[in-house]
Amino acid sequence: MPHSPRRPVRIALAVAAAGVVAASAAACDARSGPTASPGTDARQVTVVGEGQVKGTPDTLTVNASMEFQAADATGAMSQTNDRQQAVIDALVGAGIDRKDIATTAADLQPQYGSDSTTISAYRATNSITVTIRDLAKASDAIGLIVSTGGNASRINSINYSIDDDSQLVRDARARAFNDAKDRANQYAQLSGLDLGDVISISESASPTPPVPMPAMPRAMEAAVPLEPGQQTVGFSVTVVWQLS
């Protein structure tokens, strides 16, 4: 079989072992095939496999702020802190573990009048992130934040996630490798060669983004309808095999 040209070839997802000339492979249309290492008689094939599995989120994270505006900085900050403390106490009283409540921001900003030079008031904001591990309590917890905070409430974001995705990761990794092996076997057959030992494996985990929900209105009295949907855990693996 003729040797491949000696030009270096770059791979977007992973770098093959030293001395290997590898063709890049896209996730859905792997274009890699049998290649020869410069200066040797070895034949190799480099392929990229993809694996994805879906799981149902079991955790909800809420970022909520309390915001007040007052003529003086002390008044604005005091009202904001008092209201946020009331929210925290209410959540703890409802069964949310205190360790799952974290302050993420405390902000105080002057507000200027129409002339843009004179301070007319101060706006204070205090933000917390609440991790809700029992989704059955999620709607009530969000309602509690708003009912306790009143018109000072700001629901900035709501995100679903999977607390322990280790099994999903293992399943996605196995699917990615099996996909790569199927592709490599096909290239070997098309080349009239046999698939040999694995030379190298490089993996790239696809990020699992949280499932966002739009920001809520400043005040709500009705229960909040929530649906967790599903999240995807994915892996991409680049594998180099010998061909014989």
C-alpha atoms as a PDB file:
ATOM      1  CA  MET A   1       0.000   0.000   0.000  1.00  0.00           C
ATOM      2  CA  PRO A   2       1.482   3.437  -0.920  1.00  0.00           C
ATOM      3  CA  HIS A   3       2.722   5.649   1.837  1.00  0.00           C
ATOM      4  CA  SER A   4       0.807   8.813   2.698  1.00  0.00           C
ATOM      5  CA  PRO A   5       2.438  12.179   1.918  1.00  0.00           C
ATOM      6  CA  ARG A   6       4.826  13.491   4.560  1.00  0.00           C
ATOM      7  CA  ARG A   7       2.797  16.677   5.142  1.00  0.00           C
ATOM      8  CA  PRO A   8       1.665  17.162   8.783  1.00  0.00           C
ATOM      9  CA  VAL A   9      -2.063  16.707   9.269  1.00  0.00           C
ATOM     10  CA  ARG A  10      -3.922  18.414  12.130  1.00  0.00           C
ATOM     11  CA  ILE A  11      -6.781  16.782  14.037  1.00  0.00           C
ATOM     12  CA  ALA A  12      -9.348  19.081  15.606  1.00  0.00           C
ATOM     13  CA  LEU A  13     -10.497  16.801  18.425  1.00  0.00           C
ATOM     14  CA  ALA A  14      -7.319  15.008  19.503  1.00  0.00           C
ATOM     15  CA  VAL A  15      -3.668  14.495  18.647  1.00  0.00           C
ATOM     16  CA  ALA A  16      -2.578  10.991  17.627  1.00  0.00           C
ATOM     17  CA  ALA A  17       0.608   9.295  18.835  1.00  0.00           C
ATOM     18  CA  ALA A  18       3.954  10.659  17.630  1.00  0.00           C
ATOM     19  CA  GLY A  19       4.817   9.586  14.102  1.00  0.00           C
ATOM     20  CA  VAL A  20       1.185   8.972  13.130  1.00  0.00           C
ATOM     21  CA  VAL A  21      -0.319  10.822  10.211  1.00  0.00           C
ATOM     22  CA  ALA A  22      -4.058  11.027  10.954  1.00  0.00           C
ATOM     23  CA  ALA A  23      -6.938  12.431   8.980  1.00  0.00           C
ATOM     24  CA  SER A  24      -9.481  14.536  10.837  1.00  0.00           C
ATOM     25  CA  ALA A  25     -12.921  13.005  11.357  1.00  0.00           C
ATOM     26  CA  ALA A  26     -16.163  14.874  11.871  1.00  0.00           C
ATOM     27  CA  ALA A  27     -18.684  13.710  14.480  1.00  0.00           C
ATOM     28  CA  CYS A  28     -21.327  12.551  12.025  1.00  0.00           C
ATOM     29  CA  ASP A  29     -19.240  12.000   8.860  1.00  0.00           C
ATOM     30  CA  ALA A  30     -15.884  10.484   9.825  1.00  0.00           C
ATOM     31  CA  ARG A  31     -13.589  10.894   6.834  1.00  0.00           C
ATOM     32  CA  SER A  32     -10.599   9.107   8.322  1.00  0.00           C
ATOM     33  CA  GLY A  33      -9.213   6.015   6.681  1.00  0.00           C
ATOM     34  CA  PRO A  34      -6.189   3.755   6.582  1.00  0.00           C
ATOM     35  CA  THR A  35      -2.984   5.776   6.703  1.00  0.00           C
ATOM     36  CA  ALA A  36       0.683   4.903   6.816  1.00  0.00           C
ATOM     37  CA  SER A  37       3.254   6.371   9.149  1.00  0.00           C
ATOM     38  CA  PRO A  38       6.104   8.132   7.332  1.00  0.00           C
ATOM     39  CA  GLY A  39       9.260   6.068   7.239  1.00  0.00           C
ATOM     40  CA  THR A  40       7.632   2.832   8.473  1.00  0.00           C
ATOM     41  CA  ASP A  41       5.656  -0.076   7.076  1.00  0.00           C
ATOM     42  CA  ALA A  42       2.932   0.302   9.728  1.00  0.00           C
ATOM     43  CA  ARG A  43      -0.612   0.909   8.550  1.00  0.00           C
ATOM     44  CA  GLN A  44      -3.045   2.671  10.830  1.00  0.00           C
ATOM     45  CA  VAL A  45      -6.562   4.004  10.863  1.00  0.00           C
ATOM     46  CA  THR A  46      -7.723   6.941  13.000  1.00  0.00           C
ATOM     47  CA  VAL A  47     -11.414   7.439  13.646  1.00  0.00           C
ATOM     48  CA  VAL A  48     -13.660   9.533  15.858  1.00  0.00           C
ATOM     49  CA  GLY A  49     -16.610   7.945  17.660  1.00  0.00           C
ATOM     50  CA  GLU A  50     -19.536   9.717  19.268  1.00  0.00           C
ATOM     51  CA  GLY A  51     -21.695   8.567  22.161  1.00  0.00           C
ATOM     52  CA  GLN A  52     -24.679  10.249  23.788  1.00  0.00           C
ATOM     53  CA  VAL A  53     -27.149   9.255  26.479  1.00  0.00           C
ATOM     54  CA  LYS A  54     -30.042  11.150  28.018  1.00  0.00           C
ATOM     55  CA  GLY A  55     -30.955  11.490  31.659  1.00  0.00           C
ATOM     56  CA  THR A  56     -33.679  13.195  33.649  1.00  0.00           C
ATOM     57  CA  PRO A  57     -32.506  16.124  35.804  1.00  0.00           C
ATOM     58  CA  ASP A  58     -32.967  15.677  39.541  1.00  0.00           C
ATOM     59  CA  THR A  59     -31.758  19.058  40.837  1.00  0.00           C
ATOM     60  CA  LEU A  60     -33.008  22.611  40.388  1.00  0.00           C
ATOM     61  CA  THR A  61     -30.901  25.700  41.028  1.00  0.00           C
ATOM     62  CA  VAL A  62     -32.587  29.062  41.533  1.00  0.00           C
ATOM     63  CA  ASN A  63     -30.810  32.404  41.595  1.00  0.00           C
ATOM     64  CA  ALA A  64     -32.935  35.014  43.347  1.00  0.00           C
ATOM     65  CA  SER A  65     -32.307  38.609  44.385  1.00  0.00           C
ATOM     66  CA  MET A  66     -33.884  41.080  46.747  1.00  0.00           C
ATOM     67  CA  GLU A  67     -33.703  44.699  45.636  1.00  0.00           C
ATOM     68  CA  PHE A  68     -34.585  47.960  47.367  1.00  0.00           C
ATOM     69  CA  GLN A  69     -34.072  51.594  46.530  1.00  0.00           C
ATOM     70  CA  ALA A  70     -33.839  54.300  49.195  1.00  0.00           C
ATOM     71  CA  ALA A  71     -32.703  57.881  49.573  1.00  0.00           C
ATOM     72  CA  ASP A  72     -29.594  56.829  51.501  1.00  0.00           C
ATOM     73  CA  ALA A  73     -27.208  53.910  51.094  1.00  0.00           C
ATOM     74  CA  THR A  74     -27.746  52.559  54.613  1.00  0.00           C
ATOM     75  CA  GLY A  75     -31.500  52.408  54.204  1.00  0.00           C
ATOM     76  CA  ALA A  76     -31.318  50.639  50.842  1.00  0.00           C
ATOM     77  CA  MET A  77     -28.827  48.061  52.062  1.00  0.00           C
ATOM     78  CA  SER A  78     -30.614  47.476  55.362  1.00  0.00           C
ATOM     79  CA  GLN A  79     -33.991  46.816  53.730  1.00  0.00           C
ATOM     80  CA  THR A  80     -32.446  44.499  51.158  1.00  0.00           C
ATOM     81  CA  ASN A  81     -30.487  42.489  53.701  1.00  0.00           C
ATOM     82  CA  ASP A  82     -33.450  42.150  56.038  1.00  0.00           C
ATOM     83  CA  ARG A  83     -35.709  40.895  53.269  1.00  0.00           C
ATOM     84  CA  GLN A  84     -33.150  38.431  51.959  1.00  0.00           C
ATOM     85  CA  GLN A  85     -32.571  37.089  55.467  1.00  0.00           C
ATOM     86  CA  ALA A  86     -36.312  36.548  55.803  1.00  0.00           C
ATOM     87  CA  VAL A  87     -36.275  34.591  52.540  1.00  0.00           C
ATOM     88  CA  ILE A  88     -33.371  32.436  53.698  1.00  0.00           C
ATOM     89  CA  ASP A  89     -35.056  31.707  57.031  1.00  0.00           C
ATOM     90  CA  ALA A  90     -38.293  30.783  55.243  1.00  0.00           C
ATOM     91  CA  LEU A  91     -36.482  28.381  52.903  1.00  0.00           C
ATOM     92  CA  VAL A  92     -34.653  26.700  55.779  1.00  0.00           C
ATOM     93  CA  GLY A  93     -37.945  26.423  57.645  1.00  0.00           C
ATOM     94  CA  ALA A  94     -39.454  24.726  54.587  1.00  0.00           C
ATOM     95  CA  GLY A  95     -36.787  22.015  54.612  1.00  0.00           C
ATOM     96  CA  ILE A  96     -34.082  23.433  52.337  1.00  0.00           C
ATOM     97  CA  ASP A  97     -30.657  22.598  53.792  1.00  0.00           C
ATOM     98  CA  ARG A  98     -28.789  25.758  54.723  1.00  0.00           C
ATOM     99  CA  LYS A  99     -25.662  24.453  52.984  1.00  0.00           C
ATOM    100  CA  ASP A 100     -27.665  24.548  49.732  1.00  0.00           C
ATOM    101  CA  ILE A 101     -28.188  28.302  50.040  1.00  0.00           C
ATOM    102  CA  ALA A 102     -25.273  30.514  49.012  1.00  0.00           C
ATOM    103  CA  THR A 103     -24.950  34.278  48.703  1.00  0.00           C
ATOM    104  CA  THR A 104     -23.670  35.131  45.235  1.00  0.00           C
ATOM    105  CA  ALA A 105     -23.757  38.949  45.206  1.00  0.00           C
ATOM    106  CA  ALA A 106     -24.295  42.001  47.406  1.00  0.00           C
ATOM    107  CA  ASP A 107     -24.406  45.184  45.404  1.00  0.00           C
ATOM    108  CA  LEU A 108     -24.995  48.876  46.136  1.00  0.00           C
ATOM    109  CA  GLN A 109     -25.227  51.422  43.331  1.00  0.00           C
ATOM    110  CA  PRO A 110     -26.021  55.141  43.309  1.00  0.00           C
ATOM    111  CA  GLN A 111     -28.925  56.279  41.151  1.00  0.00           C
ATOM    112  CA  TYR A 112     -28.523  59.604  39.392  1.00  0.00           C
ATOM    113  CA  GLY A 113     -31.097  62.250  38.623  1.00  0.00           C
ATOM    114  CA  SER A 114     -31.956  63.751  35.256  1.00  0.00           C
ATOM    115  CA  ASP A 115     -28.769  65.831  35.215  1.00  0.00           C
ATOM    116  CA  SER A 116     -26.657  62.632  35.498  1.00  0.00           C
ATOM    117  CA  THR A 117     -24.447  64.247  38.148  1.00  0.00           C
ATOM    118  CA  THR A 118     -26.587  64.385  41.278  1.00  0.00           C
ATOM    119  CA  ILE A 119     -27.248  61.203  43.273  1.00  0.00           C
ATOM    120  CA  SER A 120     -30.972  60.890  43.807  1.00  0.00           C
ATOM    121  CA  ALA A 121     -31.091  57.485  45.522  1.00  0.00           C
ATOM    122  CA  TYR A 122     -29.269  54.218  46.154  1.00  0.00           C
ATOM    123  CA  ARG A 123     -30.219  50.771  44.911  1.00  0.00           C
ATOM    124  CA  ALA A 124     -29.104  47.725  46.898  1.00  0.00           C
ATOM    125  CA  THR A 125     -29.258  44.128  45.660  1.00  0.00           C
ATOM    126  CA  ASN A 126     -28.585  40.887  47.503  1.00  0.00           C
ATOM    127  CA  SER A 127     -28.552  37.634  45.514  1.00  0.00           C
ATOM    128  CA  ILE A 128     -28.597  33.994  46.584  1.00  0.00           C
ATOM    129  CA  THR A 129     -28.431  30.666  44.794  1.00  0.00           C
ATOM    130  CA  VAL A 130     -30.706  27.942  46.133  1.00  0.00           C
ATOM    131  CA  THR A 131     -30.108  24.292  45.230  1.00  0.00           C
ATOM    132  CA  ILE A 132     -33.307  22.253  45.463  1.00  0.00           C
ATOM    133  CA  ARG A 133     -32.602  18.516  45.535  1.00  0.00           C
ATOM    134  CA  ASP A 134     -36.197  17.378  45.937  1.00  0.00           C
ATOM    135  CA  LEU A 135     -37.956  18.500  42.770  1.00  0.00           C
ATOM    136  CA  ALA A 136     -41.323  17.920  44.404  1.00  0.00           C
ATOM    137  CA  LYS A 137     -40.525  20.957  46.582  1.00  0.00           C
ATOM    138  CA  ALA A 138     -39.259  23.168  43.751  1.00  0.00           C
ATOM    139  CA  SER A 139     -42.486  24.951  42.869  1.00  0.00           C
ATOM    140  CA  ASP A 140     -43.301  25.667  46.521  1.00  0.00           C
ATOM    141  CA  ALA A 141     -39.750  26.888  47.181  1.00  0.00           C
ATOM    142  CA  ILE A 142     -39.898  29.382  44.311  1.00  0.00           C
ATOM    143  CA  GLY A 143     -43.309  30.537  45.446  1.00  0.00           C
ATOM    144  CA  LEU A 144     -41.965  30.951  48.973  1.00  0.00           C
ATOM    145  CA  ILE A 145     -39.103  33.145  47.743  1.00  0.00           C
ATOM    146  CA  VAL A 146     -41.520  35.436  45.951  1.00  0.00           C
ATOM    147  CA  SER A 147     -44.177  35.539  48.649  1.00  0.00           C
ATOM    148  CA  THR A 148     -41.592  36.324  51.333  1.00  0.00           C
ATOM    149  CA  GLY A 149     -39.652  38.788  49.235  1.00  0.00           C
ATOM    150  CA  GLY A 150     -42.729  40.518  47.843  1.00  0.00           C
ATOM    151  CA  ASN A 151     -42.146  43.215  45.251  1.00  0.00           C
ATOM    152  CA  ALA A 152     -38.440  43.228  46.110  1.00  0.00           C
ATOM    153  CA  SER A 153     -38.097  39.733  44.618  1.00  0.00           C
ATOM    154  CA  ARG A 154     -36.161  39.100  41.427  1.00  0.00           C
ATOM    155  CA  ILE A 155     -35.944  35.540  40.054  1.00  0.00           C
ATOM    156  CA  ASN A 156     -32.851  35.811  37.855  1.00  0.00           C
ATOM    157  CA  SER A 157     -32.491  32.243  36.613  1.00  0.00           C
ATOM    158  CA  ILE A 158     -33.693  28.668  37.076  1.00  0.00           C
ATOM    159  CA  ASN A 159     -31.533  25.764  35.888  1.00  0.00           C
ATOM    160  CA  TYR A 160     -32.019  22.008  35.945  1.00  0.00           C
ATOM    161  CA  SER A 161     -29.068  19.636  36.312  1.00  0.00           C
ATOM    162  CA  ILE A 162     -28.190  16.012  37.104  1.00  0.00           C
ATOM    163  CA  ASP A 163     -26.508  15.710  40.482  1.00  0.00           C
ATOM    164  CA  ASP A 164     -24.679  12.420  39.790  1.00  0.00           C
ATOM    165  CA  ASP A 165     -24.156  11.708  36.092  1.00  0.00           C
ATOM    166  CA  SER A 166     -21.312   9.201  36.555  1.00  0.00           C
ATOM    167  CA  GLN A 167     -23.295   6.264  35.146  1.00  0.00           C
ATOM    168  CA  LEU A 168     -24.461   8.357  32.200  1.00  0.00           C
ATOM    169  CA  VAL A 169     -20.842   9.304  31.527  1.00  0.00           C
ATOM    170  CA  ARG A 170     -19.775   5.641  31.529  1.00  0.00           C
ATOM    171  CA  ASP A 171     -22.583   4.741  29.138  1.00  0.00           C
ATOM    172  CA  ALA A 172     -21.755   7.633  26.797  1.00  0.00           C
ATOM    173  CA  ARG A 173     -18.056   6.699  26.823  1.00  0.00           C
ATOM    174  CA  ALA A 174     -18.857   3.066  25.950  1.00  0.00           C
ATOM    175  CA  ARG A 175     -21.104   4.172  23.101  1.00  0.00           C
ATOM    176  CA  ALA A 176     -18.423   6.486  21.767  1.00  0.00           C
ATOM    177  CA  PHE A 177     -15.775   3.739  21.761  1.00  0.00           C
ATOM    178  CA  ASN A 178     -18.113   1.198  20.152  1.00  0.00           C
ATOM    179  CA  ASP A 179     -18.993   3.767  17.501  1.00  0.00           C
ATOM    180  CA  ALA A 180     -15.301   4.338  16.790  1.00  0.00           C
ATOM    181  CA  LYS A 181     -14.649   0.600  16.573  1.00  0.00           C
ATOM    182  CA  ASP A 182     -17.533   0.096  14.125  1.00  0.00           C
ATOM    183  CA  ARG A 183     -16.125   2.838  11.904  1.00  0.00           C
ATOM    184  CA  ALA A 184     -12.612   1.408  12.098  1.00  0.00           C
ATOM    185  CA  ASN A 185     -13.835  -2.089  11.205  1.00  0.00           C
ATOM    186  CA  GLN A 186     -15.609  -0.703   8.174  1.00  0.00           C
ATOM    187  CA  TYR A 187     -12.486   1.094   6.969  1.00  0.00           C
ATOM    188  CA  ALA A 188     -10.427  -2.036   7.507  1.00  0.00           C
ATOM    189  CA  GLN A 189     -12.859  -4.090   5.422  1.00  0.00           C
ATOM    190  CA  LEU A 190     -12.957  -1.471   2.688  1.00  0.00           C
ATOM    191  CA  SER A 191      -9.161  -1.510   2.603  1.00  0.00           C
ATOM    192  CA  GLY A 192      -8.943  -5.283   2.497  1.00  0.00           C
ATOM    193  CA  LEU A 193      -7.083  -5.306   5.811  1.00  0.00           C
ATOM    194  CA  ASP A 194      -7.662  -6.587   9.345  1.00  0.00           C
ATOM    195  CA  LEU A 195      -8.169  -4.388  12.406  1.00  0.00           C
ATOM    196  CA  GLY A 196      -5.309  -4.841  14.854  1.00  0.00           C
ATOM    197  CA  ASP A 197      -4.393  -3.496  18.270  1.00  0.00           C
ATOM    198  CA  VAL A 198      -5.365  -0.105  19.612  1.00  0.00           C
ATOM    199  CA  ILE A 199      -2.442   2.336  19.464  1.00  0.00           C
ATOM    200  CA  SER A 200      -3.943   5.339  21.245  1.00  0.00           C
ATOM    201  CA  ILE A 201      -7.213   6.696  22.647  1.00  0.00           C
ATOM    202  CA  SER A 202      -8.066  10.342  23.240  1.00  0.00           C
ATOM    203  CA  GLU A 203     -11.437  11.463  24.547  1.00  0.00           C
ATOM    204  CA  SER A 204     -13.285  14.732  24.737  1.00  0.00           C
ATOM    205  CA  ALA A 205     -16.327  15.124  26.959  1.00  0.00           C
ATOM    206  CA  SER A 206     -19.176  17.151  25.588  1.00  0.00           C
ATOM    207  CA  PRO A 207     -20.306  19.671  28.198  1.00  0.00           C
ATOM    208  CA  THR A 208     -23.685  19.060  29.779  1.00  0.00           C
ATOM    209  CA  PRO A 209     -25.256  22.487  29.908  1.00  0.00           C
ATOM    210  CA  PRO A 210     -27.883  23.191  32.541  1.00  0.00           C
ATOM    211  CA  VAL A 211     -31.431  23.430  31.232  1.00  0.00           C
ATOM    212  CA  PRO A 212     -32.292  27.114  31.618  1.00  0.00           C
ATOM    213  CA  MET A 213     -35.728  28.549  32.199  1.00  0.00           C
ATOM    214  CA  PRO A 214     -36.708  32.140  31.550  1.00  0.00           C
ATOM    215  CA  ALA A 215     -36.565  34.653  34.371  1.00  0.00           C
ATOM    216  CA  MET A 216     -39.730  34.864  36.439  1.00  0.00           C
ATOM    217  CA  PRO A 217     -41.803  37.994  36.978  1.00  0.00           C
ATOM    218  CA  ARG A 218     -40.961  40.068  40.031  1.00  0.00           C
ATOM    219  CA  ALA A 219     -43.947  38.872  42.008  1.00  0.00           C
ATOM    220  CA  MET A 220     -46.033  35.703  41.691  1.00  0.00           C
ATOM    221  CA  GLU A 221     -48.784  34.280  43.818  1.00  0.00           C
ATOM    222  CA  ALA A 222     -49.741  31.214  41.768  1.00  0.00           C
ATOM    223  CA  ALA A 223     -47.792  27.962  41.802  1.00  0.00           C
ATOM    224  CA  VAL A 224     -44.947  27.816  39.302  1.00  0.00           C
ATOM    225  CA  PRO A 225     -45.360  25.028  36.692  1.00  0.00           C
ATOM    226  CA  LEU A 226     -42.043  23.207  36.266  1.00  0.00           C
ATOM    227  CA  GLU A 227     -40.944  20.412  33.920  1.00  0.00           C
ATOM    228  CA  PRO A 228     -37.389  19.011  34.140  1.00  0.00           C
ATOM    229  CA  GLY A 229     -37.260  17.536  30.623  1.00  0.00           C
ATOM    230  CA  GLN A 230     -34.058  15.636  29.793  1.00  0.00           C
ATOM    231  CA  GLN A 231     -30.351  16.392  29.501  1.00  0.00           C
ATOM    232  CA  THR A 232     -27.781  14.848  27.180  1.00  0.00           C
ATOM    233  CA  VAL A 233     -24.386  13.559  28.289  1.00  0.00           C
ATOM    234  CA  GLY A 234     -22.010  13.097  25.367  1.00  0.00           C
ATOM    235  CA  PHE A 235     -18.483  11.910  24.643  1.00  0.00           C
ATOM    236  CA  SER A 236     -16.232  12.088  21.616  1.00  0.00           C
ATOM    237  CA  VAL A 237     -13.323   9.640  21.393  1.00  0.00           C
ATOM    238  CA  THR A 238     -10.473   9.492  18.879  1.00  0.00           C
ATOM    239  CA  VAL A 239      -8.935   6.020  18.522  1.00  0.00           C
ATOM    240  CA  VAL A 240      -5.964   4.874  16.463  1.00  0.00           C
ATOM    241  CA  TRP A 241      -5.811   1.187  15.411  1.00  0.00           C
ATOM    242  CA  GLN A 242      -3.164  -0.838  13.654  1.00  0.00           C
ATOM    243  CA  LEU A 243      -4.100  -2.388  10.324  1.00  0.00           C
ATOM    244  CA  SER A 244      -2.606  -5.622   9.109  1.00  0.00           C
END
